Amino acid sequence: MKKLLTIFMLTLLFASPTKAKDSCSTVFCMAGMLQGSGVVSGCKGFVQDYFDIIKFNSHGGISINKTFSARGQFLGKCTTAGNWPHMINSQYGRQLEL
């Protein structure tokens, strides 16, 4: 499964031009992280897109809960990813940086 996911991710990354804020590419890159691959080559920007989502409360401080929710919504835009967005957001959604 790990090899299949890696092959799929590499095919996806090299077969099409890289686009920032692409939720499906972010999901595929972060699925590799979740499985222990770390940030693989070509995924840094997609992973950074996820961690760049930070929401603030009414006092100007970071709201961990709003950040978690916004990141989940971003990953949820990738409707073909099954349960991966939920698993990724559960692991990294409250983290402020990698």
PDB file of N, CA and C in Angstrom:
ATOM      1  N   MET A   1       0.830  -1.188   0.000  1.00  0.00           N
ATOM      2  CA  MET A   1       0.000   0.000   0.000  1.00  0.00           C
ATOM      3  C   MET A   1       0.874   1.251   0.000  1.00  0.00           C
ATOM      4  N   LYS A   2       1.959   1.208   0.786  1.00  0.00           N
ATOM      5  CA  LYS A   2       2.838   2.356   0.887  1.00  0.00           C
ATOM      6  C   LYS A   2       3.508   2.638  -0.457  1.00  0.00           C
ATOM      7  N   LYS A   3       3.951   1.571  -1.137  1.00  0.00           N
ATOM      8  CA  LYS A   3       4.592   1.743  -2.440  1.00  0.00           C
ATOM      9  C   LYS A   3       3.590   2.264  -3.466  1.00  0.00           C
ATOM     10  N   LEU A   4       2.378   1.744  -3.425  1.00  0.00           N
ATOM     11  CA  LEU A   4       1.342   2.189  -4.354  1.00  0.00           C
ATOM     12  C   LEU A   4       1.039   3.668  -4.160  1.00  0.00           C
ATOM     13  N   LEU A   5       0.916   4.093  -2.898  1.00  0.00           N
ATOM     14  CA  LEU A   5       0.653   5.501  -2.607  1.00  0.00           C
ATOM     15  C   LEU A   5       1.804   6.375  -3.083  1.00  0.00           C
ATOM     16  N   THR A   6       3.037   5.928  -2.864  1.00  0.00           N
ATOM     17  CA  THR A   6       4.205   6.692  -3.281  1.00  0.00           C
ATOM     18  C   THR A   6       4.238   6.830  -4.805  1.00  0.00           C
ATOM     19  N   ILE A   7       3.988   5.739  -5.500  1.00  0.00           N
ATOM     20  CA  ILE A   7       3.975   5.784  -6.961  1.00  0.00           C
ATOM     21  C   ILE A   7       2.873   6.720  -7.454  1.00  0.00           C
ATOM     22  N   PHE A   8       1.703   6.621  -6.845  1.00  0.00           N
ATOM     23  CA  PHE A   8       0.585   7.479  -7.231  1.00  0.00           C
ATOM     24  C   PHE A   8       0.924   8.948  -6.991  1.00  0.00           C
ATOM     25  N   MET A   9       1.529   9.239  -5.842  1.00  0.00           N
ATOM     26  CA  MET A   9       1.886  10.624  -5.528  1.00  0.00           C
ATOM     27  C   MET A   9       2.896  11.165  -6.542  1.00  0.00           C
ATOM     28  N   LEU A  10       3.911  10.374  -6.857  1.00  0.00           N
ATOM     29  CA  LEU A  10       4.925  10.827  -7.801  1.00  0.00           C
ATOM     30  C   LEU A  10       4.333  11.034  -9.185  1.00  0.00           C
ATOM     31  N   THR A  11       3.456  10.138  -9.603  1.00  0.00           N
ATOM     32  CA  THR A  11       2.792  10.284 -10.893  1.00  0.00           C
ATOM     33  C   THR A  11       1.971  11.561 -10.917  1.00  0.00           C
ATOM     34  N   LEU A  12       1.227  11.798  -9.846  1.00  0.00           N
ATOM     35  CA  LEU A  12       0.398  12.994  -9.762  1.00  0.00           C
ATOM     36  C   LEU A  12       1.249  14.255  -9.812  1.00  0.00           C
ATOM     37  N   LEU A  13       2.360  14.258  -9.105  1.00  0.00           N
ATOM     38  CA  LEU A  13       3.191  15.459  -9.041  1.00  0.00           C
ATOM     39  C   LEU A  13       3.908  15.758 -10.343  1.00  0.00           C
ATOM     40  N   PHE A  14       4.342  14.723 -11.057  1.00  0.00           N
ATOM     41  CA  PHE A  14       5.105  14.955 -12.270  1.00  0.00           C
ATOM     42  C   PHE A  14       4.245  14.972 -13.529  1.00  0.00           C
ATOM     43  N   ALA A  15       3.035  14.484 -13.452  1.00  0.00           N
ATOM     44  CA  ALA A  15       2.181  14.421 -14.628  1.00  0.00           C
ATOM     45  C   ALA A  15       1.473  15.737 -14.905  1.00  0.00           C
ATOM     46  N   SER A  16       1.317  16.560 -13.903  1.00  0.00           N
ATOM     47  CA  SER A  16       0.625  17.825 -14.100  1.00  0.00           C
ATOM     48  C   SER A  16       1.439  18.957 -13.492  1.00  0.00           C
ATOM     49  N   PRO A  17       1.227  20.169 -13.974  1.00  0.00           N
ATOM     50  CA  PRO A  17       1.957  21.295 -13.404  1.00  0.00           C
ATOM     51  C   PRO A  17       1.569  21.515 -11.948  1.00  0.00           C
ATOM     52  N   THR A  18       2.524  21.979 -11.177  1.00  0.00           N
ATOM     53  CA  THR A  18       2.281  22.201  -9.764  1.00  0.00           C
ATOM     54  C   THR A  18       1.434  23.442  -9.564  1.00  0.00           C
ATOM     55  N   LYS A  19       0.429  23.316  -8.716  1.00  0.00           N
ATOM     56  CA  LYS A  19      -0.439  24.447  -8.421  1.00  0.00           C
ATOM     57  C   LYS A  19      -0.501  24.616  -6.900  1.00  0.00           C
ATOM     58  N   ALA A  20      -0.365  25.839  -6.474  1.00  0.00           N
ATOM     59  CA  ALA A  20      -0.493  26.118  -5.055  1.00  0.00           C
ATOM     60  C   ALA A  20      -1.958  26.013  -4.657  1.00  0.00           C
ATOM     61  N   LYS A  21      -2.184  25.690  -3.429  1.00  0.00           N
ATOM     62  CA  LYS A  21      -3.522  25.595  -2.842  1.00  0.00           C
ATOM     63  C   LYS A  21      -4.378  24.503  -3.500  1.00  0.00           C
ATOM     64  N   ASP A  22      -3.753  23.425  -3.916  1.00  0.00           N
ATOM     65  CA  ASP A  22      -4.452  22.283  -4.486  1.00  0.00           C
ATOM     66  C   ASP A  22      -4.667  21.270  -3.362  1.00  0.00           C
ATOM     67  N   SER A  23      -5.893  21.154  -2.902  1.00  0.00           N
ATOM     68  CA  SER A  23      -6.170  20.324  -1.729  1.00  0.00           C
ATOM     69  C   SER A  23      -5.844  18.852  -1.964  1.00  0.00           C
ATOM     70  N   CYS A  24      -6.088  18.329  -3.154  1.00  0.00           N
ATOM     71  CA  CYS A  24      -5.803  16.908  -3.403  1.00  0.00           C
ATOM     72  C   CYS A  24      -4.300  16.625  -3.369  1.00  0.00           C
ATOM     73  N   SER A  25      -3.500  17.502  -3.943  1.00  0.00           N
ATOM     74  CA  SER A  25      -2.049  17.321  -3.877  1.00  0.00           C
ATOM     75  C   SER A  25      -1.567  17.411  -2.441  1.00  0.00           C
ATOM     76  N   THR A  26      -2.156  18.312  -1.678  1.00  0.00           N
ATOM     77  CA  THR A  26      -1.804  18.432  -0.271  1.00  0.00           C
ATOM     78  C   THR A  26      -2.148  17.147   0.472  1.00  0.00           C
ATOM     79  N   VAL A  27      -3.327  16.590   0.208  1.00  0.00           N
ATOM     80  CA  VAL A  27      -3.734  15.339   0.857  1.00  0.00           C
ATOM     81  C   VAL A  27      -2.749  14.230   0.508  1.00  0.00           C
ATOM     82  N   PHE A  28      -2.423  14.068  -0.762  1.00  0.00           N
ATOM     83  CA  PHE A  28      -1.525  12.989  -1.157  1.00  0.00           C
ATOM     84  C   PHE A  28      -0.143  13.159  -0.540  1.00  0.00           C
ATOM     85  N   CYS A  29       0.366  14.382  -0.516  1.00  0.00           N
ATOM     86  CA  CYS A  29       1.675  14.621   0.088  1.00  0.00           C
ATOM     87  C   CYS A  29       1.652  14.351   1.591  1.00  0.00           C
ATOM     88  N   MET A  30       0.612  14.796   2.252  1.00  0.00           N
ATOM     89  CA  MET A  30       0.547  14.627   3.705  1.00  0.00           C
ATOM     90  C   MET A  30       0.187  13.200   4.096  1.00  0.00           C
ATOM     91  N   ALA A  31      -0.435  12.453   3.203  1.00  0.00           N
ATOM     92  CA  ALA A  31      -0.690  11.030   3.478  1.00  0.00           C
ATOM     93  C   ALA A  31       0.641  10.297   3.593  1.00  0.00           C
ATOM     94  N   GLY A  32       1.593  10.679   2.764  1.00  0.00           N
ATOM     95  CA  GLY A  32       2.928  10.099   2.867  1.00  0.00           C
ATOM     96  C   GLY A  32       3.577  10.440   4.194  1.00  0.00           C
ATOM     97  N   MET A  33       3.398  11.672   4.647  1.00  0.00           N
ATOM     98  CA  MET A  33       3.934  12.076   5.955  1.00  0.00           C
ATOM     99  C   MET A  33       3.301  11.242   7.060  1.00  0.00           C
ATOM    100  N   LEU A  34       2.006  11.042   6.953  1.00  0.00           N
ATOM    101  CA  LEU A  34       1.267  10.293   7.969  1.00  0.00           C
ATOM    102  C   LEU A  34       1.773   8.858   8.056  1.00  0.00           C
ATOM    103  N   GLN A  35       2.253   8.325   6.946  1.00  0.00           N
ATOM    104  CA  GLN A  35       2.769   6.961   6.916  1.00  0.00           C
ATOM    105  C   GLN A  35       4.253   6.893   7.237  1.00  0.00           C
ATOM    106  N   GLY A  36       4.851   8.031   7.575  1.00  0.00           N
ATOM    107  CA  GLY A  36       6.238   8.033   8.015  1.00  0.00           C
ATOM    108  C   GLY A  36       7.254   8.371   6.942  1.00  0.00           C
ATOM    109  N   SER A  37       6.814   8.812   5.772  1.00  0.00           N
ATOM    110  CA  SER A  37       7.747   9.137   4.690  1.00  0.00           C
ATOM    111  C   SER A  37       8.360  10.523   4.842  1.00  0.00           C
ATOM    112  N   GLY A  38       7.828  11.335   5.730  1.00  0.00           N
ATOM    113  CA  GLY A  38       8.289  12.708   5.849  1.00  0.00           C
ATOM    114  C   GLY A  38       7.798  13.517   4.663  1.00  0.00           C
ATOM    115  N   VAL A  39       8.361  14.686   4.470  1.00  0.00           N
ATOM    116  CA  VAL A  39       7.985  15.524   3.330  1.00  0.00           C
ATOM    117  C   VAL A  39       8.858  15.104   2.158  1.00  0.00           C
ATOM    118  N   VAL A  40       8.248  14.454   1.173  1.00  0.00           N
ATOM    119  CA  VAL A  40       9.010  13.957   0.030  1.00  0.00           C
ATOM    120  C   VAL A  40       9.261  15.082  -0.965  1.00  0.00           C
ATOM    121  N   SER A  41      10.217  14.854  -1.841  1.00  0.00           N
ATOM    122  CA  SER A  41      10.585  15.835  -2.855  1.00  0.00           C
ATOM    123  C   SER A  41       9.366  16.236  -3.678  1.00  0.00           C
ATOM    124  N   GLY A  42       9.189  17.522  -3.875  1.00  0.00           N
ATOM    125  CA  GLY A  42       8.070  18.031  -4.651  1.00  0.00           C
ATOM    126  C   GLY A  42       6.831  18.327  -3.831  1.00  0.00           C
ATOM    127  N   CYS A  43       6.866  18.024  -2.547  1.00  0.00           N
ATOM    128  CA  CYS A  43       5.681  18.196  -1.699  1.00  0.00           C
ATOM    129  C   CYS A  43       5.769  19.373  -0.742  1.00  0.00           C
ATOM    130  N   LYS A  44       6.923  19.974  -0.632  1.00  0.00           N
ATOM    131  CA  LYS A  44       7.110  21.023   0.374  1.00  0.00           C
ATOM    132  C   LYS A  44       6.077  22.143   0.255  1.00  0.00           C
ATOM    133  N   GLY A  45       5.820  22.623  -0.956  1.00  0.00           N
ATOM    134  CA  GLY A  45       4.860  23.710  -1.156  1.00  0.00           C
ATOM    135  C   GLY A  45       3.448  23.325  -0.780  1.00  0.00           C
ATOM    136  N   PHE A  46       3.058  22.085  -1.116  1.00  0.00           N
ATOM    137  CA  PHE A  46       1.708  21.620  -0.794  1.00  0.00           C
ATOM    138  C   PHE A  46       1.523  21.465   0.709  1.00  0.00           C
ATOM    139  N   VAL A  47       2.549  20.967   1.379  1.00  0.00           N
ATOM    140  CA  VAL A  47       2.486  20.833   2.831  1.00  0.00           C
ATOM    141  C   VAL A  47       2.459  22.221   3.474  1.00  0.00           C
ATOM    142  N   GLN A  48       3.245  23.138   2.932  1.00  0.00           N
ATOM    143  CA  GLN A  48       3.270  24.498   3.468  1.00  0.00           C
ATOM    144  C   GLN A  48       1.922  25.189   3.294  1.00  0.00           C
ATOM    145  N   ASP A  49       1.229  24.909   2.170  1.00  0.00           N
ATOM    146  CA  ASP A  49      -0.112  25.467   1.970  1.00  0.00           C
ATOM    147  C   ASP A  49      -1.012  25.115   3.147  1.00  0.00           C
ATOM    148  N   TYR A  50      -0.900  23.886   3.625  1.00  0.00           N
ATOM    149  CA  TYR A  50      -1.715  23.421   4.751  1.00  0.00           C
ATOM    150  C   TYR A  50      -1.342  24.174   6.034  1.00  0.00           C
ATOM    151  N   PHE A  51      -0.053  24.240   6.332  1.00  0.00           N
ATOM    152  CA  PHE A  51       0.382  24.889   7.578  1.00  0.00           C
ATOM    153  C   PHE A  51       0.266  26.410   7.530  1.00  0.00           C
ATOM    154  N   ASP A  52       0.120  26.976   6.338  1.00  0.00           N
ATOM    155  CA  ASP A  52      -0.100  28.418   6.217  1.00  0.00           C
ATOM    156  C   ASP A  52      -1.520  28.825   6.600  1.00  0.00           C
ATOM    157  N   ILE A  53      -2.411  27.862   6.711  1.00  0.00           N
ATOM    158  CA  ILE A  53      -3.792  28.166   7.115  1.00  0.00           C
ATOM    159  C   ILE A  53      -3.797  28.363   8.628  1.00  0.00           C
ATOM    160  N   ILE A  54      -3.940  29.595   9.050  1.00  0.00           N
ATOM    161  CA  ILE A  54      -3.968  29.946  10.474  1.00  0.00           C
ATOM    162  C   ILE A  54      -5.091  30.954  10.674  1.00  0.00           C
ATOM    163  N   LYS A  55      -5.942  30.687  11.626  1.00  0.00           N
ATOM    164  CA  LYS A  55      -7.074  31.571  11.929  1.00  0.00           C
ATOM    165  C   LYS A  55      -6.861  32.213  13.300  1.00  0.00           C
ATOM    166  N   PHE A  56      -7.405  33.408  13.450  1.00  0.00           N
ATOM    167  CA  PHE A  56      -7.210  34.182  14.667  1.00  0.00           C
ATOM    168  C   PHE A  56      -8.532  34.413  15.391  1.00  0.00           C
ATOM    169  N   ASN A  57      -8.431  34.621  16.695  1.00  0.00           N
ATOM    170  CA  ASN A  57      -9.626  34.940  17.474  1.00  0.00           C
ATOM    171  C   ASN A  57      -9.859  36.448  17.470  1.00  0.00           C
ATOM    172  N   SER A  58     -10.890  36.887  18.145  1.00  0.00           N
ATOM    173  CA  SER A  58     -11.265  38.307  18.127  1.00  0.00           C
ATOM    174  C   SER A  58     -10.239  39.209  18.813  1.00  0.00           C
ATOM    175  N   HIS A  59      -9.325  38.628  19.582  1.00  0.00           N
ATOM    176  CA  HIS A  59      -8.297  39.414  20.271  1.00  0.00           C
ATOM    177  C   HIS A  59      -6.975  39.431  19.504  1.00  0.00           C
ATOM    178  N   GLY A  60      -6.953  38.794  18.331  1.00  0.00           N
ATOM    179  CA  GLY A  60      -5.745  38.788  17.515  1.00  0.00           C
ATOM    180  C   GLY A  60      -4.820  37.617  17.772  1.00  0.00           C
ATOM    181  N   GLY A  61      -5.167  36.766  18.714  1.00  0.00           N
ATOM    182  CA  GLY A  61      -4.354  35.578  18.982  1.00  0.00           C
ATOM    183  C   GLY A  61      -4.767  34.431  18.069  1.00  0.00           C
ATOM    184  N   ILE A  62      -3.906  33.460  17.949  1.00  0.00           N
ATOM    185  CA  ILE A  62      -4.211  32.300  17.109  1.00  0.00           C
ATOM    186  C   ILE A  62      -5.287  31.456  17.770  1.00  0.00           C
ATOM    187  N   SER A  63      -6.299  31.110  16.993  1.00  0.00           N
ATOM    188  CA  SER A  63      -7.358  30.219  17.459  1.00  0.00           C
ATOM    189  C   SER A  63      -7.078  28.817  16.930  1.00  0.00           C
ATOM    190  N   ILE A  64      -6.652  27.941  17.820  1.00  0.00           N
ATOM    191  CA  ILE A  64      -6.327  26.570  17.430  1.00  0.00           C
ATOM    192  C   ILE A  64      -7.565  25.871  16.861  1.00  0.00           C
ATOM    193  N   ASN A  65      -8.721  26.066  17.475  1.00  0.00           N
ATOM    194  CA  ASN A  65      -9.934  25.394  17.005  1.00  0.00           C
ATOM    195  C   ASN A  65     -10.369  25.890  15.630  1.00  0.00           C
ATOM    196  N   LYS A  66     -10.308  27.201  15.396  1.00  0.00           N
ATOM    197  CA  LYS A  66     -10.667  27.741  14.082  1.00  0.00           C
ATOM    198  C   LYS A  66      -9.656  27.316  13.025  1.00  0.00           C
ATOM    199  N   THR A  67      -8.393  27.258  13.408  1.00  0.00           N
ATOM    200  CA  THR A  67      -7.348  26.795  12.492  1.00  0.00           C
ATOM    201  C   THR A  67      -7.592  25.344  12.115  1.00  0.00           C
ATOM    202  N   PHE A  68      -7.876  24.512  13.102  1.00  0.00           N
ATOM    203  CA  PHE A  68      -8.168  23.094  12.885  1.00  0.00           C
ATOM    204  C   PHE A  68      -9.338  22.937  11.914  1.00  0.00           C
ATOM    205  N   SER A  69     -10.382  23.686  12.141  1.00  0.00           N
ATOM    206  CA  SER A  69     -11.579  23.616  11.299  1.00  0.00           C
ATOM    207  C   SER A  69     -11.284  24.070   9.867  1.00  0.00           C
ATOM    208  N   ALA A  70     -10.575  25.170   9.712  1.00  0.00           N
ATOM    209  CA  ALA A  70     -10.257  25.694   8.379  1.00  0.00           C
ATOM    210  C   ALA A  70      -9.362  24.735   7.604  1.00  0.00           C
ATOM    211  N   ARG A  71      -8.409  24.134   8.283  1.00  0.00           N
ATOM    212  CA  ARG A  71      -7.539  23.158   7.620  1.00  0.00           C
ATOM    213  C   ARG A  71      -8.340  21.934   7.186  1.00  0.00           C
ATOM    214  N   GLY A  72      -9.252  21.508   8.035  1.00  0.00           N
ATOM    215  CA  GLY A  72     -10.111  20.375   7.689  1.00  0.00           C
ATOM    216  C   GLY A  72     -10.981  20.681   6.476  1.00  0.00           C
ATOM    217  N   GLN A  73     -11.499  21.888   6.408  1.00  0.00           N
ATOM    218  CA  GLN A  73     -12.321  22.289   5.259  1.00  0.00           C
ATOM    219  C   GLN A  73     -11.488  22.311   3.979  1.00  0.00           C
ATOM    220  N   PHE A  74     -10.267  22.800   4.077  1.00  0.00           N
ATOM    221  CA  PHE A  74      -9.381  22.828   2.913  1.00  0.00           C
ATOM    222  C   PHE A  74      -9.122  21.416   2.398  1.00  0.00           C
ATOM    223  N   LEU A  75      -8.743  20.499   3.289  1.00  0.00           N
ATOM    224  CA  LEU A  75      -8.478  19.125   2.863  1.00  0.00           C
ATOM    225  C   LEU A  75      -9.749  18.448   2.362  1.00  0.00           C
ATOM    226  N   GLY A  76     -10.887  18.807   2.951  1.00  0.00           N
ATOM    227  CA  GLY A  76     -12.163  18.219   2.574  1.00  0.00           C
ATOM    228  C   GLY A  76     -12.595  18.560   1.157  1.00  0.00           C
ATOM    229  N   LYS A  77     -11.974  19.553   0.551  1.00  0.00           N
ATOM    230  CA  LYS A  77     -12.282  19.907  -0.839  1.00  0.00           C
ATOM    231  C   LYS A  77     -11.847  18.806  -1.801  1.00  0.00           C
ATOM    232  N   CYS A  78     -10.959  17.948  -1.352  1.00  0.00           N
ATOM    233  CA  CYS A  78     -10.525  16.820  -2.169  1.00  0.00           C
ATOM    234  C   CYS A  78     -11.499  15.671  -1.903  1.00  0.00           C
ATOM    235  N   THR A  79     -12.529  15.605  -2.710  1.00  0.00           N
ATOM    236  CA  THR A  79     -13.626  14.658  -2.473  1.00  0.00           C
ATOM    237  C   THR A  79     -13.272  13.213  -2.819  1.00  0.00           C
ATOM    238  N   THR A  80     -12.156  12.999  -3.488  1.00  0.00           N
ATOM    239  CA  THR A  80     -11.775  11.643  -3.886  1.00  0.00           C
ATOM    240  C   THR A  80     -10.788  10.994  -2.923  1.00  0.00           C
ATOM    241  N   ALA A  81     -10.504  11.637  -1.810  1.00  0.00           N
ATOM    242  CA  ALA A  81      -9.435  11.171  -0.925  1.00  0.00           C
ATOM    243  C   ALA A  81      -9.902  10.255   0.199  1.00  0.00           C
ATOM    244  N   GLY A  82     -11.164   9.891   0.208  1.00  0.00           N
ATOM    245  CA  GLY A  82     -11.641   8.984   1.249  1.00  0.00           C
ATOM    246  C   GLY A  82     -11.520   9.581   2.632  1.00  0.00           C
ATOM    247  N   ASN A  83     -10.945   8.816   3.551  1.00  0.00           N
ATOM    248  CA  ASN A  83     -10.809   9.234   4.946  1.00  0.00           C
ATOM    249  C   ASN A  83      -9.479   9.941   5.232  1.00  0.00           C
ATOM    250  N   TRP A  84      -8.614  10.055   4.212  1.00  0.00           N
ATOM    251  CA  TRP A  84      -7.301  10.667   4.430  1.00  0.00           C
ATOM    252  C   TRP A  84      -7.376  12.084   4.988  1.00  0.00           C
ATOM    253  N   PRO A  85      -8.245  12.963   4.472  1.00  0.00           N
ATOM    254  CA  PRO A  85      -8.284  14.321   5.037  1.00  0.00           C
ATOM    255  C   PRO A  85      -8.559  14.330   6.537  1.00  0.00           C
ATOM    256  N   HIS A  86      -9.471  13.491   6.987  1.00  0.00           N
ATOM    257  CA  HIS A  86      -9.785  13.424   8.417  1.00  0.00           C
ATOM    258  C   HIS A  86      -8.575  12.930   9.216  1.00  0.00           C
ATOM    259  N   MET A  87      -7.923  11.889   8.731  1.00  0.00           N
ATOM    260  CA  MET A  87      -6.765  11.338   9.447  1.00  0.00           C
ATOM    261  C   MET A  87      -5.621  12.350   9.508  1.00  0.00           C
ATOM    262  N   ILE A  88      -5.391  13.040   8.388  1.00  0.00           N
ATOM    263  CA  ILE A  88      -4.316  14.042   8.345  1.00  0.00           C
ATOM    264  C   ILE A  88      -4.624  15.194   9.292  1.00  0.00           C
ATOM    265  N   ASN A  89      -5.851  15.697   9.233  1.00  0.00           N
ATOM    266  CA  ASN A  89      -6.196  16.833  10.078  1.00  0.00           C
ATOM    267  C   ASN A  89      -6.195  16.451  11.558  1.00  0.00           C
ATOM    268  N   SER A  90      -6.563  15.223  11.866  1.00  0.00           N
ATOM    269  CA  SER A  90      -6.527  14.766  13.262  1.00  0.00           C
ATOM    270  C   SER A  90      -5.091  14.776  13.785  1.00  0.00           C
ATOM    271  N   GLN A  91      -4.146  14.427  12.930  1.00  0.00           N
ATOM    272  CA  GLN A  91      -2.733  14.364  13.334  1.00  0.00           C
ATOM    273  C   GLN A  91      -2.068  15.747  13.354  1.00  0.00           C
ATOM    274  N   TYR A  92      -2.333  16.556  12.332  1.00  0.00           N
ATOM    275  CA  TYR A  92      -1.565  17.804  12.153  1.00  0.00           C
ATOM    276  C   TYR A  92      -2.392  19.085  12.280  1.00  0.00           C
ATOM    277  N   GLY A  93      -3.703  18.993  12.385  1.00  0.00           N
ATOM    278  CA  GLY A  93      -4.570  20.162  12.338  1.00  0.00           C
ATOM    279  C   GLY A  93      -4.354  21.198  13.422  1.00  0.00           C
ATOM    280  N   ARG A  94      -3.868  20.783  14.551  1.00  0.00           N
ATOM    281  CA  ARG A  94      -3.647  21.724  15.659  1.00  0.00           C
ATOM    282  C   ARG A  94      -2.184  22.131  15.798  1.00  0.00           C
ATOM    283  N   GLN A  95      -1.348  21.615  14.926  1.00  0.00           N
ATOM    284  CA  GLN A  95       0.072  21.953  14.921  1.00  0.00           C
ATOM    285  C   GLN A  95       0.254  23.270  14.183  1.00  0.00           C
ATOM    286  N   LEU A  96       1.064  24.162  14.716  1.00  0.00           N
ATOM    287  CA  LEU A  96       1.255  25.453  14.056  1.00  0.00           C
ATOM    288  C   LEU A  96       2.361  25.423  13.009  1.00  0.00           C
ATOM    289  N   GLU A  97       3.250  24.472  13.106  1.00  0.00           N
ATOM    290  CA  GLU A  97       4.310  24.329  12.078  1.00  0.00           C
ATOM    291  C   GLU A  97       4.780  22.896  12.074  1.00  0.00           C
ATOM    292  N   LEU A  98       5.449  22.552  10.997  1.00  0.00           N
ATOM    293  CA  LEU A  98       5.937  21.195  10.848  1.00  0.00           C
ATOM    294  C   LEU A  98       7.175  20.962  11.666  1.00  0.00           C
TER     295      LEU A  98
END
